[in-house]
ModelCIF file with pLDDT and N, C-alpha, C, O atoms, coordinates in Angstrom:
data_MODEL
#
_entry.id   MODEL 
#
_entity.id                         1 
_entity.type                       polymer 
_entity.pdbx_number_of_molecules   1 
#
_entity_poly.entity_id                      1 
_entity_poly.type                           'polypeptide(L)' 
_entity_poly.nstd_linkage                   no 
_entity_poly.nstd_monomer                   no 
_entity_poly.pdbx_seq_one_letter_code       KYYPNVRFVRYADDVIVHCKTPQESHAVLEAIRIRLHACGLRL 
_entity_poly.pdbx_seq_one_letter_code_can   KYYPNVRFVRYADDVIVHCKTPQESHAVLEAIRIRLHACGLRL 
_entity_poly.pdbx_strand_id                 A 
#
loop_
_entity_poly_seq.entity_id 
_entity_poly_seq.num 
_entity_poly_seq.mon_id 
_entity_poly_seq.hetero 
1 1  LYS n 
1 2  TYR n 
1 3  TYR n 
1 4  PRO n 
1 5  ASN n 
1 6  VAL n 
1 7  ARG n 
1 8  PHE n 
1 9  VAL n 
1 10 ARG n 
1 11 TYR n 
1 12 ALA n 
1 13 ASP n 
1 14 ASP n 
1 15 VAL n 
1 16 ILE n 
1 17 VAL n 
1 18 HIS n 
1 19 CYS n 
1 20 LYS n 
1 21 THR n 
1 22 PRO n 
1 23 GLN n 
1 24 GLU n 
1 25 SER n 
1 26 HIS n 
1 27 ALA n 
1 28 VAL n 
1 29 LEU n 
1 30 GLU n 
1 31 ALA n 
1 32 ILE n 
1 33 ARG n 
1 34 ILE n 
1 35 ARG n 
1 36 LEU n 
1 37 HIS n 
1 38 ALA n 
1 39 CYS n 
1 40 GLY n 
1 41 LEU n 
1 42 ARG n 
1 43 LEU n 
#
_struct_asym.id          A 
_struct_asym.entity_id   1 
#
loop_
_ma_qa_metric.id 
_ma_qa_metric.mode 
_ma_qa_metric.name 
_ma_qa_metric.software_group_id 
_ma_qa_metric.type 
1 global pLDDT . pLDDT 
2 local  pLDDT . pLDDT 
#
_ma_qa_metric_global.metric_id      1 
_ma_qa_metric_global.metric_value   97.65 
_ma_qa_metric_global.model_id       1 
_ma_qa_metric_global.ordinal_id     1 
#
loop_
_ma_qa_metric_local.label_asym_id 
_ma_qa_metric_local.label_comp_id 
_ma_qa_metric_local.label_seq_id 
_ma_qa_metric_local.metric_id 
_ma_qa_metric_local.metric_value 
_ma_qa_metric_local.model_id 
_ma_qa_metric_local.ordinal_id 
A LYS 1  2 98.00 1 1  
A TYR 2  2 98.00 1 2  
A TYR 3  2 98.00 1 3  
A PRO 4  2 98.00 1 4  
A ASN 5  2 97.00 1 5  
A VAL 6  2 98.00 1 6  
A ARG 7  2 98.00 1 7  
A PHE 8  2 98.00 1 8  
A VAL 9  2 98.00 1 9  
A ARG 10 2 98.00 1 10 
A TYR 11 2 98.00 1 11 
A ALA 12 2 95.00 1 12 
A ASP 13 2 96.00 1 13 
A ASP 14 2 97.00 1 14 
A VAL 15 2 98.00 1 15 
A ILE 16 2 98.00 1 16 
A VAL 17 2 98.00 1 17 
A HIS 18 2 98.00 1 18 
A CYS 19 2 98.00 1 19 
A LYS 20 2 98.00 1 20 
A THR 21 2 98.00 1 21 
A PRO 22 2 98.00 1 22 
A GLN 23 2 98.00 1 23 
A GLU 24 2 98.00 1 24 
A SER 25 2 98.00 1 25 
A HIS 26 2 98.00 1 26 
A ALA 27 2 98.00 1 27 
A VAL 28 2 98.00 1 28 
A LEU 29 2 98.00 1 29 
A GLU 30 2 98.00 1 30 
A ALA 31 2 98.00 1 31 
A ILE 32 2 98.00 1 32 
A ARG 33 2 98.00 1 33 
A ILE 34 2 98.00 1 34 
A ARG 35 2 98.00 1 35 
A LEU 36 2 98.00 1 36 
A HIS 37 2 97.00 1 37 
A ALA 38 2 97.00 1 38 
A CYS 39 2 97.00 1 39 
A GLY 40 2 96.00 1 40 
A LEU 41 2 97.00 1 41 
A ARG 42 2 97.00 1 42 
A LEU 43 2 97.00 1 43 
#
loop_
_atom_site.group_PDB 
_atom_site.id 
_atom_site.type_symbol 
_atom_site.label_atom_id 
_atom_site.label_alt_id 
_atom_site.label_comp_id 
_atom_site.label_asym_id 
_atom_site.label_entity_id 
_atom_site.label_seq_id 
_atom_site.pdbx_PDB_ins_code 
_atom_site.Cartn_x 
_atom_site.Cartn_y 
_atom_site.Cartn_z 
_atom_site.occupancy 
_atom_site.B_iso_or_equiv 
_atom_site.pdbx_formal_charge 
_atom_site.auth_seq_id 
_atom_site.auth_comp_id 
_atom_site.auth_asym_id 
_atom_site.auth_atom_id 
_atom_site.pdbx_PDB_model_num 
ATOM 1   N N  . LYS A 1 1  ? -170.957 120.187 161.342 1.00 98.00 ? 1  LYS A N  1 
ATOM 2   C CA . LYS A 1 1  ? -170.368 120.972 162.636 1.00 98.00 ? 1  LYS A CA 1 
ATOM 3   C C  . LYS A 1 1  ? -169.062 121.078 162.730 1.00 98.00 ? 1  LYS A C  1 
ATOM 4   O O  . LYS A 1 1  ? -168.725 122.188 163.142 1.00 98.00 ? 1  LYS A O  1 
ATOM 5   N N  . TYR A 1 2  ? -168.154 120.325 162.498 1.00 98.00 ? 2  TYR A N  1 
ATOM 6   C CA . TYR A 1 2  ? -166.782 120.508 162.602 1.00 98.00 ? 2  TYR A CA 1 
ATOM 7   C C  . TYR A 1 2  ? -166.245 121.399 160.955 1.00 98.00 ? 2  TYR A C  1 
ATOM 8   O O  . TYR A 1 2  ? -165.314 122.201 160.884 1.00 98.00 ? 2  TYR A O  1 
ATOM 9   N N  . TYR A 1 3  ? -166.909 121.072 160.091 1.00 98.00 ? 3  TYR A N  1 
ATOM 10  C CA . TYR A 1 3  ? -166.292 122.088 158.743 1.00 98.00 ? 3  TYR A CA 1 
ATOM 11  C C  . TYR A 1 3  ? -167.565 122.820 158.190 1.00 98.00 ? 3  TYR A C  1 
ATOM 12  O O  . TYR A 1 3  ? -168.141 122.596 157.126 1.00 98.00 ? 3  TYR A O  1 
ATOM 13  N N  . PRO A 1 4  ? -167.830 123.612 159.014 1.00 98.00 ? 4  PRO A N  1 
ATOM 14  C CA . PRO A 1 4  ? -169.218 124.326 158.160 1.00 98.00 ? 4  PRO A CA 1 
ATOM 15  C C  . PRO A 1 4  ? -168.820 125.070 157.219 1.00 98.00 ? 4  PRO A C  1 
ATOM 16  O O  . PRO A 1 4  ? -169.796 125.463 156.580 1.00 98.00 ? 4  PRO A O  1 
ATOM 17  N N  . ASN A 1 5  ? -167.678 125.531 156.741 1.00 97.00 ? 5  ASN A N  1 
ATOM 18  C CA . ASN A 1 5  ? -167.075 126.027 155.554 1.00 97.00 ? 5  ASN A CA 1 
ATOM 19  C C  . ASN A 1 5  ? -166.927 125.588 154.138 1.00 97.00 ? 5  ASN A C  1 
ATOM 20  O O  . ASN A 1 5  ? -166.720 126.243 153.116 1.00 97.00 ? 5  ASN A O  1 
ATOM 21  N N  . VAL A 1 6  ? -167.096 124.233 154.352 1.00 98.00 ? 6  VAL A N  1 
ATOM 22  C CA . VAL A 1 6  ? -166.818 123.325 152.918 1.00 98.00 ? 6  VAL A CA 1 
ATOM 23  C C  . VAL A 1 6  ? -168.275 122.833 152.446 1.00 98.00 ? 6  VAL A C  1 
ATOM 24  O O  . VAL A 1 6  ? -169.198 122.892 153.258 1.00 98.00 ? 6  VAL A O  1 
ATOM 25  N N  . ARG A 1 7  ? -168.446 122.457 151.433 1.00 98.00 ? 7  ARG A N  1 
ATOM 26  C CA . ARG A 1 7  ? -169.724 122.112 150.884 1.00 98.00 ? 7  ARG A CA 1 
ATOM 27  C C  . ARG A 1 7  ? -169.570 120.557 150.322 1.00 98.00 ? 7  ARG A C  1 
ATOM 28  O O  . ARG A 1 7  ? -168.528 120.163 149.800 1.00 98.00 ? 7  ARG A O  1 
ATOM 29  N N  . PHE A 1 8  ? -170.523 119.883 150.466 1.00 98.00 ? 8  PHE A N  1 
ATOM 30  C CA . PHE A 1 8  ? -170.515 118.653 150.133 1.00 98.00 ? 8  PHE A CA 1 
ATOM 31  C C  . PHE A 1 8  ? -171.812 118.021 149.399 1.00 98.00 ? 8  PHE A C  1 
ATOM 32  O O  . PHE A 1 8  ? -172.942 118.392 149.716 1.00 98.00 ? 8  PHE A O  1 
ATOM 33  N N  . VAL A 1 9  ? -171.591 117.071 148.427 1.00 98.00 ? 9  VAL A N  1 
ATOM 34  C CA . VAL A 1 9  ? -172.856 116.483 147.764 1.00 98.00 ? 9  VAL A CA 1 
ATOM 35  C C  . VAL A 1 9  ? -172.829 115.061 148.083 1.00 98.00 ? 9  VAL A C  1 
ATOM 36  O O  . VAL A 1 9  ? -171.822 114.477 147.681 1.00 98.00 ? 9  VAL A O  1 
ATOM 37  N N  . ARG A 1 10 ? -173.729 114.334 148.736 1.00 98.00 ? 10 ARG A N  1 
ATOM 38  C CA . ARG A 1 10 ? -173.808 112.583 148.935 1.00 98.00 ? 10 ARG A CA 1 
ATOM 39  C C  . ARG A 1 10 ? -175.044 112.083 147.858 1.00 98.00 ? 10 ARG A C  1 
ATOM 40  O O  . ARG A 1 10 ? -176.110 112.612 147.544 1.00 98.00 ? 10 ARG A O  1 
ATOM 41  N N  . TYR A 1 11 ? -174.604 111.236 147.585 1.00 98.00 ? 11 TYR A N  1 
ATOM 42  C CA . TYR A 1 11 ? -175.571 110.276 146.804 1.00 98.00 ? 11 TYR A CA 1 
ATOM 43  C C  . TYR A 1 11 ? -175.235 108.991 147.109 1.00 98.00 ? 11 TYR A C  1 
ATOM 44  O O  . TYR A 1 11 ? -174.424 108.341 146.449 1.00 98.00 ? 11 TYR A O  1 
ATOM 45  N N  . ALA A 1 12 ? -176.085 108.394 148.529 1.00 95.00 ? 12 ALA A N  1 
ATOM 46  C CA . ALA A 1 12 ? -175.857 106.980 148.867 1.00 95.00 ? 12 ALA A CA 1 
ATOM 47  C C  . ALA A 1 12 ? -174.155 107.374 149.298 1.00 95.00 ? 12 ALA A C  1 
ATOM 48  O O  . ALA A 1 12 ? -173.752 108.378 149.885 1.00 95.00 ? 12 ALA A O  1 
ATOM 49  N N  . ASP A 1 13 ? -173.516 106.425 148.876 1.00 96.00 ? 13 ASP A N  1 
ATOM 50  C CA . ASP A 1 13 ? -171.886 106.159 149.462 1.00 96.00 ? 13 ASP A CA 1 
ATOM 51  C C  . ASP A 1 13 ? -170.921 106.830 148.491 1.00 96.00 ? 13 ASP A C  1 
ATOM 52  O O  . ASP A 1 13 ? -169.723 106.571 148.597 1.00 96.00 ? 13 ASP A O  1 
ATOM 53  N N  . ASP A 1 14 ? -171.422 107.806 147.402 1.00 97.00 ? 14 ASP A N  1 
ATOM 54  C CA . ASP A 1 14 ? -170.808 108.673 146.417 1.00 97.00 ? 14 ASP A CA 1 
ATOM 55  C C  . ASP A 1 14 ? -170.676 109.933 147.237 1.00 97.00 ? 14 ASP A C  1 
ATOM 56  O O  . ASP A 1 14 ? -171.657 110.422 147.796 1.00 97.00 ? 14 ASP A O  1 
ATOM 57  N N  . VAL A 1 15 ? -169.502 110.446 147.310 1.00 98.00 ? 15 VAL A N  1 
ATOM 58  C CA . VAL A 1 15 ? -169.433 111.743 147.959 1.00 98.00 ? 15 VAL A CA 1 
ATOM 59  C C  . VAL A 1 15 ? -168.174 112.383 147.641 1.00 98.00 ? 15 VAL A C  1 
ATOM 60  O O  . VAL A 1 15 ? -167.023 111.957 147.542 1.00 98.00 ? 15 VAL A O  1 
ATOM 61  N N  . ILE A 1 16 ? -168.921 113.977 147.453 1.00 98.00 ? 16 ILE A N  1 
ATOM 62  C CA . ILE A 1 16 ? -168.051 114.769 146.622 1.00 98.00 ? 16 ILE A CA 1 
ATOM 63  C C  . ILE A 1 16 ? -168.106 116.141 147.785 1.00 98.00 ? 16 ILE A C  1 
ATOM 64  O O  . ILE A 1 16 ? -169.170 116.645 148.144 1.00 98.00 ? 16 ILE A O  1 
ATOM 65  N N  . VAL A 1 17 ? -166.743 116.602 148.265 1.00 98.00 ? 17 VAL A N  1 
ATOM 66  C CA . VAL A 1 17 ? -166.485 117.512 149.292 1.00 98.00 ? 17 VAL A CA 1 
ATOM 67  C C  . VAL A 1 17 ? -165.566 118.841 148.335 1.00 98.00 ? 17 VAL A C  1 
ATOM 68  O O  . VAL A 1 17 ? -164.558 118.762 147.632 1.00 98.00 ? 17 VAL A O  1 
ATOM 69  N N  . HIS A 1 18 ? -166.522 120.106 148.733 1.00 98.00 ? 18 HIS A N  1 
ATOM 70  C CA . HIS A 1 18 ? -165.975 121.288 147.964 1.00 98.00 ? 18 HIS A CA 1 
ATOM 71  C C  . HIS A 1 18 ? -165.125 122.067 149.021 1.00 98.00 ? 18 HIS A C  1 
ATOM 72  O O  . HIS A 1 18 ? -165.552 122.325 150.147 1.00 98.00 ? 18 HIS A O  1 
ATOM 73  N N  . CYS A 1 19 ? -164.046 122.373 148.624 1.00 98.00 ? 19 CYS A N  1 
ATOM 74  C CA . CYS A 1 19 ? -163.086 122.986 149.452 1.00 98.00 ? 19 CYS A CA 1 
ATOM 75  C C  . CYS A 1 19 ? -162.513 124.265 148.832 1.00 98.00 ? 19 CYS A C  1 
ATOM 76  O O  . CYS A 1 19 ? -162.350 124.273 147.612 1.00 98.00 ? 19 CYS A O  1 
ATOM 77  N N  . LYS A 1 20 ? -162.139 125.527 149.671 1.00 98.00 ? 20 LYS A N  1 
ATOM 78  C CA . LYS A 1 20 ? -161.616 126.488 148.888 1.00 98.00 ? 20 LYS A CA 1 
ATOM 79  C C  . LYS A 1 20 ? -160.014 126.445 148.746 1.00 98.00 ? 20 LYS A C  1 
ATOM 80  O O  . LYS A 1 20 ? -159.542 127.224 147.918 1.00 98.00 ? 20 LYS A O  1 
ATOM 81  N N  . THR A 1 21 ? -159.398 125.878 149.239 1.00 98.00 ? 21 THR A N  1 
ATOM 82  C CA . THR A 1 21 ? -157.895 125.942 148.944 1.00 98.00 ? 21 THR A CA 1 
ATOM 83  C C  . THR A 1 21 ? -157.303 124.667 149.095 1.00 98.00 ? 21 THR A C  1 
ATOM 84  O O  . THR A 1 21 ? -157.923 123.885 149.816 1.00 98.00 ? 21 THR A O  1 
ATOM 85  N N  . PRO A 1 22 ? -156.169 124.246 148.545 1.00 98.00 ? 22 PRO A N  1 
ATOM 86  C CA . PRO A 1 22 ? -155.549 122.983 148.860 1.00 98.00 ? 22 PRO A CA 1 
ATOM 87  C C  . PRO A 1 22 ? -155.206 122.580 150.156 1.00 98.00 ? 22 PRO A C  1 
ATOM 88  O O  . PRO A 1 22 ? -155.361 121.404 150.487 1.00 98.00 ? 22 PRO A O  1 
ATOM 89  N N  . GLN A 1 23 ? -154.737 123.459 150.965 1.00 98.00 ? 23 GLN A N  1 
ATOM 90  C CA . GLN A 1 23 ? -154.702 122.946 152.256 1.00 98.00 ? 23 GLN A CA 1 
ATOM 91  C C  . GLN A 1 23 ? -155.835 122.577 153.272 1.00 98.00 ? 23 GLN A C  1 
ATOM 92  O O  . GLN A 1 23 ? -155.767 121.875 154.281 1.00 98.00 ? 23 GLN A O  1 
ATOM 93  N N  . GLU A 1 24 ? -156.718 123.135 152.817 1.00 98.00 ? 24 GLU A N  1 
ATOM 94  C CA . GLU A 1 24 ? -158.010 122.979 153.432 1.00 98.00 ? 24 GLU A CA 1 
ATOM 95  C C  . GLU A 1 24 ? -158.485 121.579 152.981 1.00 98.00 ? 24 GLU A C  1 
ATOM 96  O O  . GLU A 1 24 ? -159.229 120.936 153.722 1.00 98.00 ? 24 GLU A O  1 
ATOM 97  N N  . SER A 1 25 ? -158.059 121.057 151.720 1.00 98.00 ? 25 SER A N  1 
ATOM 98  C CA . SER A 1 25 ? -158.492 119.973 151.121 1.00 98.00 ? 25 SER A CA 1 
ATOM 99  C C  . SER A 1 25 ? -157.719 118.846 151.645 1.00 98.00 ? 25 SER A C  1 
ATOM 100 O O  . SER A 1 25 ? -158.294 117.759 151.701 1.00 98.00 ? 25 SER A O  1 
ATOM 101 N N  . HIS A 1 26 ? -156.531 118.934 152.029 1.00 98.00 ? 26 HIS A N  1 
ATOM 102 C CA . HIS A 1 26 ? -155.788 117.805 152.719 1.00 98.00 ? 26 HIS A CA 1 
ATOM 103 C C  . HIS A 1 26 ? -156.200 117.727 154.160 1.00 98.00 ? 26 HIS A C  1 
ATOM 104 O O  . HIS A 1 26 ? -156.195 116.615 154.687 1.00 98.00 ? 26 HIS A O  1 
ATOM 105 N N  . ALA A 1 27 ? -156.537 118.725 154.821 1.00 98.00 ? 27 ALA A N  1 
ATOM 106 C CA . ALA A 1 27 ? -156.787 118.728 156.222 1.00 98.00 ? 27 ALA A CA 1 
ATOM 107 C C  . ALA A 1 27 ? -158.095 117.950 156.487 1.00 98.00 ? 27 ALA A C  1 
ATOM 108 O O  . ALA A 1 27 ? -158.304 117.095 157.348 1.00 98.00 ? 27 ALA A O  1 
ATOM 109 N N  . VAL A 1 28 ? -159.003 118.494 155.458 1.00 98.00 ? 28 VAL A N  1 
ATOM 110 C CA . VAL A 1 28 ? -160.582 117.840 155.666 1.00 98.00 ? 28 VAL A CA 1 
ATOM 111 C C  . VAL A 1 28 ? -160.472 116.095 155.464 1.00 98.00 ? 28 VAL A C  1 
ATOM 112 O O  . VAL A 1 28 ? -161.008 115.183 156.094 1.00 98.00 ? 28 VAL A O  1 
ATOM 113 N N  . LEU A 1 29 ? -159.543 116.093 154.314 1.00 98.00 ? 29 LEU A N  1 
ATOM 114 C CA . LEU A 1 29 ? -159.633 114.500 153.780 1.00 98.00 ? 29 LEU A CA 1 
ATOM 115 C C  . LEU A 1 29 ? -158.970 113.755 155.030 1.00 98.00 ? 29 LEU A C  1 
ATOM 116 O O  . LEU A 1 29 ? -159.502 112.717 155.425 1.00 98.00 ? 29 LEU A O  1 
ATOM 117 N N  . GLU A 1 30 ? -157.971 114.184 155.588 1.00 98.00 ? 30 GLU A N  1 
ATOM 118 C CA . GLU A 1 30 ? -157.461 113.306 156.828 1.00 98.00 ? 30 GLU A CA 1 
ATOM 119 C C  . GLU A 1 30 ? -158.304 113.097 157.771 1.00 98.00 ? 30 GLU A C  1 
ATOM 120 O O  . GLU A 1 30 ? -158.422 111.983 158.281 1.00 98.00 ? 30 GLU A O  1 
ATOM 121 N N  . ALA A 1 31 ? -159.187 114.394 158.228 1.00 98.00 ? 31 ALA A N  1 
ATOM 122 C CA . ALA A 1 31 ? -159.886 114.383 159.346 1.00 98.00 ? 31 ALA A CA 1 
ATOM 123 C C  . ALA A 1 31 ? -161.127 113.391 158.835 1.00 98.00 ? 31 ALA A C  1 
ATOM 124 O O  . ALA A 1 31 ? -161.620 112.799 159.795 1.00 98.00 ? 31 ALA A O  1 
ATOM 125 N N  . ILE A 1 32 ? -161.564 113.164 157.947 1.00 98.00 ? 32 ILE A N  1 
ATOM 126 C CA . ILE A 1 32 ? -162.675 112.502 157.228 1.00 98.00 ? 32 ILE A CA 1 
ATOM 127 C C  . ILE A 1 32 ? -162.000 110.915 157.340 1.00 98.00 ? 32 ILE A C  1 
ATOM 128 O O  . ILE A 1 32 ? -162.712 110.012 157.780 1.00 98.00 ? 32 ILE A O  1 
ATOM 129 N N  . ARG A 1 33 ? -160.695 110.658 156.947 1.00 98.00 ? 33 ARG A N  1 
ATOM 130 C CA . ARG A 1 33 ? -160.230 109.382 157.135 1.00 98.00 ? 33 ARG A CA 1 
ATOM 131 C C  . ARG A 1 33 ? -160.099 108.878 158.458 1.00 98.00 ? 33 ARG A C  1 
ATOM 132 O O  . ARG A 1 33 ? -160.086 107.651 158.559 1.00 98.00 ? 33 ARG A O  1 
ATOM 133 N N  . ILE A 1 34 ? -159.998 109.570 159.515 1.00 98.00 ? 34 ILE A N  1 
ATOM 134 C CA . ILE A 1 34 ? -159.879 109.425 160.948 1.00 98.00 ? 34 ILE A CA 1 
ATOM 135 C C  . ILE A 1 34 ? -161.078 109.014 161.572 1.00 98.00 ? 34 ILE A C  1 
ATOM 136 O O  . ILE A 1 34 ? -161.147 108.152 162.448 1.00 98.00 ? 34 ILE A O  1 
ATOM 137 N N  . ARG A 1 35 ? -162.417 109.922 160.898 1.00 98.00 ? 35 ARG A N  1 
ATOM 138 C CA . ARG A 1 35 ? -163.692 109.800 161.230 1.00 98.00 ? 35 ARG A CA 1 
ATOM 139 C C  . ARG A 1 35 ? -164.176 108.485 160.852 1.00 98.00 ? 35 ARG A C  1 
ATOM 140 O O  . ARG A 1 35 ? -164.883 107.824 161.612 1.00 98.00 ? 35 ARG A O  1 
ATOM 141 N N  . LEU A 1 36 ? -163.840 108.109 159.773 1.00 98.00 ? 36 LEU A N  1 
ATOM 142 C CA . LEU A 1 36 ? -164.482 106.954 159.050 1.00 98.00 ? 36 LEU A CA 1 
ATOM 143 C C  . LEU A 1 36 ? -164.133 105.697 159.845 1.00 98.00 ? 36 LEU A C  1 
ATOM 144 O O  . LEU A 1 36 ? -164.856 104.768 160.206 1.00 98.00 ? 36 LEU A O  1 
ATOM 145 N N  . HIS A 1 37 ? -162.593 105.959 160.053 1.00 97.00 ? 37 HIS A N  1 
ATOM 146 C CA . HIS A 1 37 ? -161.973 104.836 160.656 1.00 97.00 ? 37 HIS A CA 1 
ATOM 147 C C  . HIS A 1 37 ? -162.595 104.533 161.997 1.00 97.00 ? 37 HIS A C  1 
ATOM 148 O O  . HIS A 1 37 ? -162.655 103.334 162.269 1.00 97.00 ? 37 HIS A O  1 
ATOM 149 N N  . ALA A 1 38 ? -163.138 105.501 163.014 1.00 97.00 ? 38 ALA A N  1 
ATOM 150 C CA . ALA A 1 38 ? -163.438 105.547 163.953 1.00 97.00 ? 38 ALA A CA 1 
ATOM 151 C C  . ALA A 1 38 ? -165.064 104.864 163.990 1.00 97.00 ? 38 ALA A C  1 
ATOM 152 O O  . ALA A 1 38 ? -165.701 104.520 164.986 1.00 97.00 ? 38 ALA A O  1 
ATOM 153 N N  . CYS A 1 39 ? -165.371 104.820 162.902 1.00 97.00 ? 39 CYS A N  1 
ATOM 154 C CA . CYS A 1 39 ? -166.819 104.473 162.521 1.00 97.00 ? 39 CYS A CA 1 
ATOM 155 C C  . CYS A 1 39 ? -167.022 102.956 161.793 1.00 97.00 ? 39 CYS A C  1 
ATOM 156 O O  . CYS A 1 39 ? -168.128 102.484 161.530 1.00 97.00 ? 39 CYS A O  1 
ATOM 157 N N  . GLY A 1 40 ? -165.788 102.322 161.534 1.00 96.00 ? 40 GLY A N  1 
ATOM 158 C CA . GLY A 1 40 ? -165.770 100.999 161.131 1.00 96.00 ? 40 GLY A CA 1 
ATOM 159 C C  . GLY A 1 40 ? -165.738 101.216 159.313 1.00 96.00 ? 40 GLY A C  1 
ATOM 160 O O  . GLY A 1 40 ? -165.977 100.314 158.510 1.00 96.00 ? 40 GLY A O  1 
ATOM 161 N N  . LEU A 1 41 ? -165.510 102.123 159.092 1.00 97.00 ? 41 LEU A N  1 
ATOM 162 C CA . LEU A 1 41 ? -165.189 102.454 157.276 1.00 97.00 ? 41 LEU A CA 1 
ATOM 163 C C  . LEU A 1 41 ? -163.792 102.943 157.211 1.00 97.00 ? 41 LEU A C  1 
ATOM 164 O O  . LEU A 1 41 ? -163.071 103.438 158.077 1.00 97.00 ? 41 LEU A O  1 
ATOM 165 N N  . ARG A 1 42 ? -163.551 102.614 155.670 1.00 97.00 ? 42 ARG A N  1 
ATOM 166 C CA . ARG A 1 42 ? -162.229 103.199 155.265 1.00 97.00 ? 42 ARG A CA 1 
ATOM 167 C C  . ARG A 1 42 ? -162.249 103.551 153.796 1.00 97.00 ? 42 ARG A C  1 
ATOM 168 O O  . ARG A 1 42 ? -162.824 102.938 152.897 1.00 97.00 ? 42 ARG A O  1 
ATOM 169 N N  . LEU A 1 43 ? -161.538 104.622 153.715 1.00 97.00 ? 43 LEU A N  1 
ATOM 170 C CA . LEU A 1 43 ? -161.273 105.486 152.348 1.00 97.00 ? 43 LEU A CA 1 
ATOM 171 C C  . LEU A 1 43 ? -160.504 104.464 151.460 1.00 97.00 ? 43 LEU A C  1 
ATOM 172 O O  . LEU A 1 43 ? -160.136 104.783 150.329 1.00 97.00 ? 43 LEU A O  1 
#
């Protein structure tokens, strides 16, 4: 929904997220960190 331009592969709790640029990678990683924390999970 929020990052339709990235690609990801998830095998259970092993997750790889593919990005185009380092800026996009850092932004997506920080957003994932916040999202997981809101759902009781941590990186």
